[in-house]
C-alpha atoms as a PDB file:
ATOM      1  CA  MET A   1      59.684  60.247 136.948  1.00  0.00           C
ATOM      2  CA  ASP A   2      57.458  63.616 136.871  1.00  0.00           C
ATOM      3  CA  ARG A   3      57.384  63.252 133.017  1.00  0.00           C
ATOM      4  CA  PRO A   4      58.582  61.020 130.689  1.00  0.00           C
ATOM      5  CA  PRO A   5      61.463  60.955 128.939  1.00  0.00           C
ATOM      6  CA  PHE A   6      60.091  62.104 125.740  1.00  0.00           C
ATOM      7  CA  ARG A   7      57.924  64.785 123.693  1.00  0.00           C
ATOM      8  CA  ALA A   8      54.847  65.220 122.037  1.00  0.00           C
ATOM      9  CA  ASP A   9      52.850  67.789 120.202  1.00  0.00           C
ATOM     10  CA  GLN A  10      49.845  67.790 118.125  1.00  0.00           C
ATOM     11  CA  VAL A  11      49.667  70.227 115.101  1.00  0.00           C
ATOM     12  CA  GLY A  12      46.514  70.809 114.028  1.00  0.00           C
ATOM     13  CA  SER A  13      43.415  68.904 113.985  1.00  0.00           C
ATOM     14  CA  LEU A  14      42.618  64.819 113.869  1.00  0.00           C
ATOM     15  CA  LEU A  15      39.301  65.499 112.299  1.00  0.00           C
ATOM     16  CA  ARG A  16      39.275  65.036 108.110  1.00  0.00           C
ATOM     17  CA  PRO A  17      36.877  67.600 106.306  1.00  0.00           C
ATOM     18  CA  GLU A  18      34.702  65.876 104.403  1.00  0.00           C
ATOM     19  CA  LYS A  19      36.179  66.992 101.018  1.00  0.00           C
ATOM     20  CA  LEU A  20      39.203  64.483 102.382  1.00  0.00           C
ATOM     21  CA  LYS A  21      37.342  62.045 102.907  1.00  0.00           C
ATOM     22  CA  ALA A  22      35.208  62.374  99.881  1.00  0.00           C
ATOM     23  CA  ALA A  23      38.806  61.931  97.997  1.00  0.00           C
ATOM     24  CA  ARG A  24      40.362  59.067  99.677  1.00  0.00           C
ATOM     25  CA  GLU A  25      36.517  57.301  99.287  1.00  0.00           C
ATOM     26  CA  LYS A  26      36.545  58.035  95.826  1.00  0.00           C
ATOM     27  CA  PHE A  27      40.932  56.619  95.212  1.00  0.00           C
ATOM     28  CA  LEU A  28      40.126  53.756  97.781  1.00  0.00           C
ATOM     29  CA  GLY A  29      36.484  52.594  97.398  1.00  0.00           C
ATOM     30  CA  PRO A  30      33.972  50.904  99.800  1.00  0.00           C
ATOM     31  CA  GLN A  31      35.606  50.503 102.775  1.00  0.00           C
ATOM     32  CA  THR A  32      34.165  49.153 106.256  1.00  0.00           C
ATOM     33  CA  PRO A  33      32.304  51.615 108.022  1.00  0.00           C
ATOM     34  CA  THR A  34      34.140  52.318 111.641  1.00  0.00           C
ATOM     35  CA  SER A  35      30.437  51.490 113.400  1.00  0.00           C
ATOM     36  CA  ALA A  36      30.663  48.320 112.362  1.00  0.00           C
ATOM     37  CA  LEU A  37      33.904  47.657 113.631  1.00  0.00           C
ATOM     38  CA  GLY A  38      32.585  48.706 117.062  1.00  0.00           C
ATOM     39  CA  PRO A  39      31.340  45.303 118.118  1.00  0.00           C
ATOM     40  CA  HIS A  40      34.763  43.541 117.433  1.00  0.00           C
ATOM     41  CA  ASP A  41      37.023  46.033 118.673  1.00  0.00           C
ATOM     42  CA  ASP A  42      36.529  45.551 122.118  1.00  0.00           C
END
């Protein structure tokens, strides 16, 4: 079997613009930064 039986296409960028990140931070409040999760993620 050369290919899986499904297809997936990426449309757009996975990076969020700063404006969107700021609005999310304002709405949800402070969150744990991704860098702090590194040691626990492994």
